[in-house]
């Protein structure tokens, strides 16, 4: 049984905004925020374990990147931001019917 099967009941959808689509979008944002927090928490735990094991030292992850690392990160960041923000252009991305 999927969790979505237990959530679907025969009752009206709870709404907070005039447009129910905003409520749904906000629900997605909150679900993503929850996932981000879980990832942050797990990352901190992993960093602690790596430090205890002597793999990294406190502060190693806070050091400034080299020029080479900075360039690689910039290219990755630019591609990520482009993929994230392209939806704001309001242009169809799929090759389906227009």
PDB file of N, CA and C in Angstrom:
ATOM      1  N   UNK A   1       0.838  -1.170   0.000  1.00  0.00           N
ATOM      2  CA  UNK A   1       0.000   0.000   0.000  1.00  0.00           C
ATOM      3  C   UNK A   1       0.893   1.247   0.000  1.00  0.00           C
ATOM      4  N   UNK A   2       0.576   2.167  -0.885  1.00  0.00           N
ATOM      5  CA  UNK A   2       1.314   3.430  -0.955  1.00  0.00           C
ATOM      6  C   UNK A   2       0.695   4.437   0.002  1.00  0.00           C
ATOM      7  N   UNK A   3       1.527   5.380   0.444  1.00  0.00           N
ATOM      8  CA  UNK A   3       1.023   6.404   1.368  1.00  0.00           C
ATOM      9  C   UNK A   3      -0.077   7.229   0.730  1.00  0.00           C
ATOM     10  N   UNK A   4       0.023   7.462  -0.581  1.00  0.00           N
ATOM     11  CA  UNK A   4      -1.008   8.268  -1.250  1.00  0.00           C
ATOM     12  C   UNK A   4      -2.365   7.579  -1.212  1.00  0.00           C
ATOM     13  N   UNK A   5      -2.373   6.236  -1.161  1.00  0.00           N
ATOM     14  CA  UNK A   5      -3.646   5.519  -1.085  1.00  0.00           C
ATOM     15  C   UNK A   5      -4.367   5.797   0.228  1.00  0.00           C
ATOM     16  N   UNK A   6      -3.616   5.999   1.302  1.00  0.00           N
ATOM     17  CA  UNK A   6      -4.232   6.248   2.604  1.00  0.00           C
ATOM     18  C   UNK A   6      -4.639   7.701   2.772  1.00  0.00           C
ATOM     19  N   UNK A   7      -4.113   8.595   1.940  1.00  0.00           N
ATOM     20  CA  UNK A   7      -4.416  10.016   2.082  1.00  0.00           C
ATOM     21  C   UNK A   7      -5.668  10.433   1.322  1.00  0.00           C
ATOM     22  N   UNK A   8      -6.043   9.638   0.339  1.00  0.00           N
ATOM     23  CA  UNK A   8      -7.184  10.001  -0.497  1.00  0.00           C
ATOM     24  C   UNK A   8      -8.465   9.578   0.218  1.00  0.00           C
ATOM     25  N   UNK A   9      -9.212  10.559   0.650  1.00  0.00           N
ATOM     26  CA  UNK A   9     -10.475  10.313   1.326  1.00  0.00           C
ATOM     27  C   UNK A   9     -11.566  11.093   0.615  1.00  0.00           C
ATOM     28  N   UNK A  10     -12.769  10.705   0.877  1.00  0.00           N
ATOM     29  CA  UNK A  10     -13.906  11.373   0.247  1.00  0.00           C
ATOM     30  C   UNK A  10     -14.320  12.574   1.088  1.00  0.00           C
ATOM     31  N   UNK A  11     -13.482  13.628   1.052  1.00  0.00           N
ATOM     32  CA  UNK A  11     -13.785  14.871   1.753  1.00  0.00           C
ATOM     33  C   UNK A  11     -13.133  16.006   0.992  1.00  0.00           C
ATOM     34  N   UNK A  12     -13.619  17.217   1.170  1.00  0.00           N
ATOM     35  CA  UNK A  12     -13.057  18.345   0.433  1.00  0.00           C
ATOM     36  C   UNK A  12     -11.597  18.604   0.816  1.00  0.00           C
ATOM     37  N   UNK A  13     -10.867  19.113  -0.143  1.00  0.00           N
ATOM     38  CA  UNK A  13      -9.463  19.448   0.074  1.00  0.00           C
ATOM     39  C   UNK A  13      -9.365  20.687   0.956  1.00  0.00           C
ATOM     40  N   UNK A  14      -8.458  20.645   1.945  1.00  0.00           N
ATOM     41  CA  UNK A  14      -8.234  21.810   2.804  1.00  0.00           C
ATOM     42  C   UNK A  14      -7.477  22.858   2.004  1.00  0.00           C
ATOM     43  N   UNK A  15      -7.948  24.094   2.037  1.00  0.00           N
ATOM     44  CA  UNK A  15      -7.283  25.155   1.286  1.00  0.00           C
ATOM     45  C   UNK A  15      -6.989  26.338   2.192  1.00  0.00           C
ATOM     46  N   UNK A  16      -5.893  27.012   1.885  1.00  0.00           N
ATOM     47  CA  UNK A  16      -5.493  28.206   2.618  1.00  0.00           C
ATOM     48  C   UNK A  16      -5.468  29.428   1.709  1.00  0.00           C
ATOM     49  N   UNK A  17      -5.254  29.181   0.422  1.00  0.00           N
ATOM     50  CA  UNK A  17      -5.199  30.268  -0.548  1.00  0.00           C
ATOM     51  C   UNK A  17      -6.424  30.202  -1.447  1.00  0.00           C
ATOM     52  N   UNK A  18      -6.721  31.298  -2.108  1.00  0.00           N
ATOM     53  CA  UNK A  18      -7.881  31.344  -2.991  1.00  0.00           C
ATOM     54  C   UNK A  18      -7.753  30.307  -4.117  1.00  0.00           C
ATOM     55  N   UNK A  19      -6.556  30.137  -4.618  1.00  0.00           N
ATOM     56  CA  UNK A  19      -6.302  29.174  -5.697  1.00  0.00           C
ATOM     57  C   UNK A  19      -5.747  27.879  -5.093  1.00  0.00           C
ATOM     58  N   UNK A  20      -6.462  26.756  -5.190  1.00  0.00           N
ATOM     59  CA  UNK A  20      -5.987  25.493  -4.616  1.00  0.00           C
ATOM     60  C   UNK A  20      -4.641  25.038  -5.188  1.00  0.00           C
ATOM     61  N   UNK A  21      -4.308  25.505  -6.393  1.00  0.00           N
ATOM     62  CA  UNK A  21      -3.016  25.141  -6.971  1.00  0.00           C
ATOM     63  C   UNK A  21      -1.877  25.699  -6.120  1.00  0.00           C
ATOM     64  N   UNK A  22      -2.081  26.864  -5.521  1.00  0.00           N
ATOM     65  CA  UNK A  22      -1.063  27.434  -4.634  1.00  0.00           C
ATOM     66  C   UNK A  22      -0.879  26.560  -3.395  1.00  0.00           C
ATOM     67  N   UNK A  23      -1.962  26.027  -2.862  1.00  0.00           N
ATOM     68  CA  UNK A  23      -1.856  25.118  -1.718  1.00  0.00           C
ATOM     69  C   UNK A  23      -1.046  23.879  -2.089  1.00  0.00           C
ATOM     70  N   UNK A  24      -1.317  23.340  -3.263  1.00  0.00           N
ATOM     71  CA  UNK A  24      -0.582  22.144  -3.706  1.00  0.00           C
ATOM     72  C   UNK A  24       0.891  22.460  -3.924  1.00  0.00           C
ATOM     73  N   UNK A  25       1.172  23.602  -4.557  1.00  0.00           N
ATOM     74  CA  UNK A  25       2.564  23.993  -4.785  1.00  0.00           C
ATOM     75  C   UNK A  25       3.280  24.220  -3.459  1.00  0.00           C
ATOM     76  N   UNK A  26       2.603  24.852  -2.509  1.00  0.00           N
ATOM     77  CA  UNK A  26       3.198  25.078  -1.206  1.00  0.00           C
ATOM     78  C   UNK A  26       3.465  23.746  -0.506  1.00  0.00           C
ATOM     79  N   UNK A  27       2.572  22.784  -0.685  1.00  0.00           N
ATOM     80  CA  UNK A  27       2.786  21.446  -0.127  1.00  0.00           C
ATOM     81  C   UNK A  27       4.043  20.803  -0.686  1.00  0.00           C
ATOM     82  N   UNK A  28       4.274  20.980  -1.975  1.00  0.00           N
ATOM     83  CA  UNK A  28       5.491  20.451  -2.599  1.00  0.00           C
ATOM     84  C   UNK A  28       6.717  21.139  -2.014  1.00  0.00           C
ATOM     85  N   UNK A  29       6.650  22.461  -1.864  1.00  0.00           N
ATOM     86  CA  UNK A  29       7.776  23.216  -1.286  1.00  0.00           C
ATOM     87  C   UNK A  29       8.068  22.715   0.123  1.00  0.00           C
ATOM     88  N   UNK A  30       7.042  22.503   0.921  1.00  0.00           N
ATOM     89  CA  UNK A  30       7.256  22.032   2.296  1.00  0.00           C
ATOM     90  C   UNK A  30       7.835  20.611   2.307  1.00  0.00           C
ATOM     91  N   UNK A  31       7.392  19.758   1.396  1.00  0.00           N
ATOM     92  CA  UNK A  31       7.952  18.407   1.313  1.00  0.00           C
ATOM     93  C   UNK A  31       9.432  18.472   0.937  1.00  0.00           C
ATOM     94  N   UNK A  32       9.779  19.331  -0.001  1.00  0.00           N
ATOM     95  CA  UNK A  32      11.182  19.492  -0.392  1.00  0.00           C
ATOM     96  C   UNK A  32      12.012  20.081   0.751  1.00  0.00           C
ATOM     97  N   UNK A  33      11.448  21.043   1.484  1.00  0.00           N
ATOM     98  CA  UNK A  33      12.160  21.617   2.623  1.00  0.00           C
ATOM     99  C   UNK A  33      12.434  20.554   3.678  1.00  0.00           C
ATOM    100  N   UNK A  34      11.485  19.673   3.892  1.00  0.00           N
ATOM    101  CA  UNK A  34      11.687  18.574   4.842  1.00  0.00           C
ATOM    102  C   UNK A  34      12.828  17.682   4.391  1.00  0.00           C
ATOM    103  N   UNK A  35      12.852  17.353   3.109  1.00  0.00           N
ATOM    104  CA  UNK A  35      13.927  16.514   2.572  1.00  0.00           C
ATOM    105  C   UNK A  35      15.285  17.205   2.701  1.00  0.00           C
ATOM    106  N   UNK A  36      15.328  18.508   2.455  1.00  0.00           N
ATOM    107  CA  UNK A  36      16.586  19.247   2.581  1.00  0.00           C
ATOM    108  C   UNK A  36      17.082  19.183   4.018  1.00  0.00           C
ATOM    109  N   UNK A  37      16.175  19.343   4.979  1.00  0.00           N
ATOM    110  CA  UNK A  37      16.605  19.289   6.374  1.00  0.00           C
ATOM    111  C   UNK A  37      17.138  17.901   6.728  1.00  0.00           C
ATOM    112  N   UNK A  38      16.473  16.872   6.263  1.00  0.00           N
ATOM    113  CA  UNK A  38      16.954  15.505   6.525  1.00  0.00           C
ATOM    114  C   UNK A  38      18.348  15.331   5.927  1.00  0.00           C
ATOM    115  N   UNK A  39      18.562  15.823   4.710  1.00  0.00           N
ATOM    116  CA  UNK A  39      19.881  15.725   4.080  1.00  0.00           C
ATOM    117  C   UNK A  39      20.932  16.497   4.867  1.00  0.00           C
ATOM    118  N   UNK A  40      20.584  17.688   5.345  1.00  0.00           N
ATOM    119  CA  UNK A  40      21.520  18.478   6.159  1.00  0.00           C
ATOM    120  C   UNK A  40      21.905  17.729   7.426  1.00  0.00           C
ATOM    121  N   UNK A  41      20.912  17.154   8.076  1.00  0.00           N
ATOM    122  CA  UNK A  41      21.145  16.412   9.305  1.00  0.00           C
ATOM    123  C   UNK A  41      22.059  15.212   9.057  1.00  0.00           C
ATOM    124  N   UNK A  42      21.790  14.478   7.991  1.00  0.00           N
ATOM    125  CA  UNK A  42      22.616  13.310   7.658  1.00  0.00           C
ATOM    126  C   UNK A  42      24.028  13.730   7.251  1.00  0.00           C
ATOM    127  N   UNK A  43      24.149  14.850   6.555  1.00  0.00           N
ATOM    128  CA  UNK A  43      25.463  15.340   6.148  1.00  0.00           C
ATOM    129  C   UNK A  43      26.300  15.699   7.374  1.00  0.00           C
ATOM    130  N   UNK A  44      25.689  16.357   8.350  1.00  0.00           N
ATOM    131  CA  UNK A  44      26.416  16.679   9.585  1.00  0.00           C
ATOM    132  C   UNK A  44      26.864  15.416  10.299  1.00  0.00           C
ATOM    133  N   UNK A  45      25.997  14.410  10.336  1.00  0.00           N
ATOM    134  CA  UNK A  45      26.365  13.140  10.977  1.00  0.00           C
ATOM    135  C   UNK A  45      27.524  12.484  10.233  1.00  0.00           C
ATOM    136  N   UNK A  46      27.477  12.503   8.920  1.00  0.00           N
ATOM    137  CA  UNK A  46      28.553  11.928   8.108  1.00  0.00           C
ATOM    138  C   UNK A  46      29.862  12.676   8.332  1.00  0.00           C
ATOM    139  N   UNK A  47      29.798  14.009   8.374  1.00  0.00           N
ATOM    140  CA  UNK A  47      31.002  14.805   8.625  1.00  0.00           C
ATOM    141  C   UNK A  47      31.603  14.470   9.987  1.00  0.00           C
ATOM    142  N   UNK A  48      30.753  14.302  10.995  1.00  0.00           N
ATOM    143  CA  UNK A  48      31.259  13.933  12.331  1.00  0.00           C
ATOM    144  C   UNK A  48      31.955  12.582  12.291  1.00  0.00           C
ATOM    145  N   UNK A  49      31.357  11.621  11.602  1.00  0.00           N
ATOM    146  CA  UNK A  49      31.951  10.288  11.514  1.00  0.00           C
ATOM    147  C   UNK A  49      33.291  10.328  10.778  1.00  0.00           C
ATOM    148  N   UNK A  50      33.373  11.100   9.715  1.00  0.00           N
ATOM    149  CA  UNK A  50      34.632  11.231   8.976  1.00  0.00           C
ATOM    150  C   UNK A  50      35.710  11.891   9.829  1.00  0.00           C
ATOM    151  N   UNK A  51      35.303  12.862  10.641  1.00  0.00           N
ATOM    152  CA  UNK A  51      36.274  13.518  11.521  1.00  0.00           C
ATOM    153  C   UNK A  51      36.764  12.560  12.608  1.00  0.00           C
ATOM    154  N   UNK A  52      35.855  11.814  13.208  1.00  0.00           N
ATOM    155  CA  UNK A  52      36.223  10.846  14.249  1.00  0.00           C
ATOM    156  C   UNK A  52      37.157   9.783  13.677  1.00  0.00           C
ATOM    157  N   UNK A  53      36.915   9.380  12.429  1.00  0.00           N
ATOM    158  CA  UNK A  53      37.737   8.345  11.791  1.00  0.00           C
ATOM    159  C   UNK A  53      39.070   8.902  11.298  1.00  0.00           C
ATOM    160  N   UNK A  54      39.258  10.213  11.388  1.00  0.00           N
ATOM    161  CA  UNK A  54      40.507  10.817  10.958  1.00  0.00           C
ATOM    162  C   UNK A  54      40.626  11.021   9.460  1.00  0.00           C
ATOM    163  N   UNK A  55      39.519  10.909   8.746  1.00  0.00           N
ATOM    164  CA  UNK A  55      39.531  11.099   7.297  1.00  0.00           C
ATOM    165  C   UNK A  55      39.603  12.586   6.955  1.00  0.00           C
ATOM    166  N   UNK A  56      38.913  13.404   7.726  1.00  0.00           N
ATOM    167  CA  UNK A  56      38.956  14.848   7.547  1.00  0.00           C
ATOM    168  C   UNK A  56      39.233  15.499   8.891  1.00  0.00           C
ATOM    169  N   UNK A  57      39.683  16.740   8.841  1.00  0.00           N
ATOM    170  CA  UNK A  57      39.871  17.515  10.061  1.00  0.00           C
ATOM    171  C   UNK A  57      38.799  18.588  10.132  1.00  0.00           C
ATOM    172  N   UNK A  58      38.508  19.012  11.348  1.00  0.00           N
ATOM    173  CA  UNK A  58      37.521  20.069  11.548  1.00  0.00           C
ATOM    174  C   UNK A  58      37.890  21.280  10.692  1.00  0.00           C
ATOM    175  N   UNK A  59      36.972  21.719   9.878  1.00  0.00           N
ATOM    176  CA  UNK A  59      37.225  22.889   9.040  1.00  0.00           C
ATOM    177  C   UNK A  59      37.683  22.569   7.631  1.00  0.00           C
ATOM    178  N   UNK A  60      38.044  21.303   7.339  1.00  0.00           N
ATOM    179  CA  UNK A  60      38.483  20.952   5.987  1.00  0.00           C
ATOM    180  C   UNK A  60      37.430  21.303   4.935  1.00  0.00           C
ATOM    181  N   UNK A  61      36.185  21.124   5.283  1.00  0.00           N
ATOM    182  CA  UNK A  61      35.118  21.371   4.317  1.00  0.00           C
ATOM    183  C   UNK A  61      34.811  22.855   4.152  1.00  0.00           C
ATOM    184  N   UNK A  62      35.352  23.678   5.039  1.00  0.00           N
ATOM    185  CA  UNK A  62      35.112  25.114   4.969  1.00  0.00           C
ATOM    186  C   UNK A  62      36.222  25.872   4.245  1.00  0.00           C
ATOM    187  N   UNK A  63      37.248  25.179   3.810  1.00  0.00           N
ATOM    188  CA  UNK A  63      38.368  25.853   3.157  1.00  0.00           C
ATOM    189  C   UNK A  63      37.940  26.420   1.810  1.00  0.00           C
ATOM    190  N   UNK A  64      38.644  27.429   1.361  1.00  0.00           N
ATOM    191  CA  UNK A  64      38.375  28.028   0.061  1.00  0.00           C
ATOM    192  C   UNK A  64      38.789  27.051  -1.040  1.00  0.00           C
ATOM    193  N   UNK A  65      37.968  26.912  -2.072  1.00  0.00           N
ATOM    194  CA  UNK A  65      38.335  26.016  -3.174  1.00  0.00           C
ATOM    195  C   UNK A  65      39.480  26.599  -4.000  1.00  0.00           C
ATOM    196  N   UNK A  66      40.196  25.706  -4.660  1.00  0.00           N
ATOM    197  CA  UNK A  66      41.246  26.159  -5.577  1.00  0.00           C
ATOM    198  C   UNK A  66      40.582  26.785  -6.802  1.00  0.00           C
ATOM    199  N   UNK A  67      41.367  27.451  -7.628  1.00  0.00           N
ATOM    200  CA  UNK A  67      40.817  28.051  -8.847  1.00  0.00           C
ATOM    201  C   UNK A  67      40.193  26.987  -9.745  1.00  0.00           C
ATOM    202  N   UNK A  68      40.840  25.841  -9.832  1.00  0.00           N
ATOM    203  CA  UNK A  68      40.332  24.735 -10.648  1.00  0.00           C
ATOM    204  C   UNK A  68      39.001  24.215 -10.094  1.00  0.00           C
ATOM    205  N   UNK A  69      38.944  24.034  -8.772  1.00  0.00           N
ATOM    206  CA  UNK A  69      37.695  23.580  -8.142  1.00  0.00           C
ATOM    207  C   UNK A  69      36.592  24.614  -8.302  1.00  0.00           C
ATOM    208  N   UNK A  70      36.955  25.884  -8.166  1.00  0.00           N
ATOM    209  CA  UNK A  70      35.978  26.973  -8.297  1.00  0.00           C
ATOM    210  C   UNK A  70      35.376  26.990  -9.706  1.00  0.00           C
ATOM    211  N   UNK A  71      36.201  26.780 -10.724  1.00  0.00           N
ATOM    212  CA  UNK A  71      35.723  26.759 -12.104  1.00  0.00           C
ATOM    213  C   UNK A  71      34.767  25.582 -12.329  1.00  0.00           C
ATOM    214  N   UNK A  72      35.139  24.396 -11.837  1.00  0.00           N
ATOM    215  CA  UNK A  72      34.280  23.220 -11.991  1.00  0.00           C
ATOM    216  C   UNK A  72      32.949  23.417 -11.268  1.00  0.00           C
ATOM    217  N   UNK A  73      33.005  24.000 -10.078  1.00  0.00           N
ATOM    218  CA  UNK A  73      31.778  24.244  -9.320  1.00  0.00           C
ATOM    219  C   UNK A  73      30.903  25.286 -10.008  1.00  0.00           C
ATOM    220  N   UNK A  74      31.513  26.288 -10.607  1.00  0.00           N
ATOM    221  CA  UNK A  74      30.754  27.334 -11.298  1.00  0.00           C
ATOM    222  C   UNK A  74      30.010  26.749 -12.497  1.00  0.00           C
ATOM    223  N   UNK A  75      30.663  25.889 -13.260  1.00  0.00           N
ATOM    224  CA  UNK A  75      30.011  25.266 -14.412  1.00  0.00           C
ATOM    225  C   UNK A  75      28.840  24.407 -13.967  1.00  0.00           C
ATOM    226  N   UNK A  76      29.050  23.631 -12.902  1.00  0.00           N
ATOM    227  CA  UNK A  76      27.980  22.780 -12.380  1.00  0.00           C
ATOM    228  C   UNK A  76      26.837  23.634 -11.848  1.00  0.00           C
ATOM    229  N   UNK A  77      27.158  24.693 -11.114  1.00  0.00           N
ATOM    230  CA  UNK A  77      26.136  25.583 -10.548  1.00  0.00           C
ATOM    231  C   UNK A  77      25.341  26.261 -11.660  1.00  0.00           C
ATOM    232  N   UNK A  78      26.017  26.736 -12.692  1.00  0.00           N
ATOM    233  CA  UNK A  78      25.324  27.397 -13.802  1.00  0.00           C
ATOM    234  C   UNK A  78      24.348  26.450 -14.492  1.00  0.00           C
ATOM    235  N   UNK A  79      24.761  25.222 -14.715  1.00  0.00           N
ATOM    236  CA  UNK A  79      23.881  24.240 -15.350  1.00  0.00           C
ATOM    237  C   UNK A  79      22.685  23.927 -14.451  1.00  0.00           C
ATOM    238  N   UNK A  80      22.931  23.816 -13.149  1.00  0.00           N
ATOM    239  CA  UNK A  80      21.855  23.547 -12.194  1.00  0.00           C
ATOM    240  C   UNK A  80      20.844  24.685 -12.183  1.00  0.00           C
ATOM    241  N   UNK A  81      21.332  25.915 -12.083  1.00  0.00           N
ATOM    242  CA  UNK A  81      20.451  27.082 -12.032  1.00  0.00           C
ATOM    243  C   UNK A  81      19.662  27.220 -13.335  1.00  0.00           C
ATOM    244  N   UNK A  82      20.311  26.980 -14.456  1.00  0.00           N
ATOM    245  CA  UNK A  82      19.596  27.063 -15.733  1.00  0.00           C
ATOM    246  C   UNK A  82      18.451  26.052 -15.782  1.00  0.00           C
ATOM    247  N   UNK A  83      18.722  24.830 -15.372  1.00  0.00           N
ATOM    248  CA  UNK A  83      17.678  23.810 -15.364  1.00  0.00           C
ATOM    249  C   UNK A  83      16.552  24.137 -14.400  1.00  0.00           C
ATOM    250  N   UNK A  84      16.888  24.757 -13.296  1.00  0.00           N
ATOM    251  CA  UNK A  84      15.893  25.115 -12.290  1.00  0.00           C
ATOM    252  C   UNK A  84      15.045  26.293 -12.741  1.00  0.00           C
ATOM    253  N   UNK A  85      15.668  27.285 -13.332  1.00  0.00           N
ATOM    254  CA  UNK A  85      14.984  28.533 -13.640  1.00  0.00           C
ATOM    255  C   UNK A  85      14.345  28.577 -15.025  1.00  0.00           C
ATOM    256  N   UNK A  86      14.633  27.627 -15.881  1.00  0.00           N
ATOM    257  CA  UNK A  86      14.110  27.672 -17.250  1.00  0.00           C
ATOM    258  C   UNK A  86      12.581  27.661 -17.276  1.00  0.00           C
ATOM    259  N   UNK A  87      11.986  27.079 -16.242  1.00  0.00           N
ATOM    260  CA  UNK A  87      10.525  27.047 -16.184  1.00  0.00           C
ATOM    261  C   UNK A  87       9.921  28.434 -16.052  1.00  0.00           C
ATOM    262  N   UNK A  88      10.683  29.393 -15.559  1.00  0.00           N
ATOM    263  CA  UNK A  88      10.156  30.749 -15.400  1.00  0.00           C
ATOM    264  C   UNK A  88      10.004  31.478 -16.729  1.00  0.00           C
ATOM    265  N   UNK A  89      10.606  30.948 -17.785  1.00  0.00           N
ATOM    266  CA  UNK A  89      10.500  31.591 -19.091  1.00  0.00           C
ATOM    267  C   UNK A  89       9.119  31.442 -19.700  1.00  0.00           C
ATOM    268  N   UNK A  90       8.354  30.436 -19.209  1.00  0.00           N
ATOM    269  CA  UNK A  90       7.016  30.233 -19.721  1.00  0.00           C
ATOM    270  C   UNK A  90       6.984  29.654 -21.109  1.00  0.00           C
ATOM    271  N   UNK A  91       8.036  28.978 -21.513  1.00  0.00           N
ATOM    272  CA  UNK A  91       8.069  28.353 -22.834  1.00  0.00           C
ATOM    273  C   UNK A  91       8.000  26.845 -22.673  1.00  0.00           C
ATOM    274  N   UNK A  92       7.314  26.208 -23.589  1.00  0.00           N
ATOM    275  CA  UNK A  92       7.148  24.765 -23.547  1.00  0.00           C
ATOM    276  C   UNK A  92       8.497  24.067 -23.709  1.00  0.00           C
ATOM    277  N   UNK A  93       8.765  23.116 -22.856  1.00  0.00           N
ATOM    278  CA  UNK A  93      10.026  22.385 -22.898  1.00  0.00           C
ATOM    279  C   UNK A  93       9.892  21.041 -23.610  1.00  0.00           C
ATOM    280  N   UNK A  94       8.708  20.436 -23.503  1.00  0.00           N
ATOM    281  CA  UNK A  94       8.495  19.140 -24.140  1.00  0.00           C
ATOM    282  C   UNK A  94       8.264  19.312 -25.632  1.00  0.00           C
ATOM    283  N   UNK A  95       8.435  18.234 -26.381  1.00  0.00           N
ATOM    284  CA  UNK A  95       8.240  18.305 -27.832  1.00  0.00           C
ATOM    285  C   UNK A  95       6.829  17.912 -28.242  1.00  0.00           C
ATOM    286  N   UNK A  96       5.931  17.824 -27.276  1.00  0.00           N
ATOM    287  CA  UNK A  96       4.561  17.437 -27.563  1.00  0.00           C
ATOM    288  C   UNK A  96       3.794  18.525 -28.277  1.00  0.00           C
ATOM    289  N   UNK A  97       2.480  18.377 -28.272  1.00  0.00           N
ATOM    290  CA  UNK A  97       1.600  19.332 -28.956  1.00  0.00           C
ATOM    291  C   UNK A  97       1.814  20.743 -28.409  1.00  0.00           C
ATOM    292  N   UNK A  98       1.687  21.708 -29.293  1.00  0.00           N
ATOM    293  CA  UNK A  98       1.863  23.097 -28.846  1.00  0.00           C
ATOM    294  C   UNK A  98       0.580  23.865 -28.961  1.00  0.00           C
TER     295      UNK A  98
END
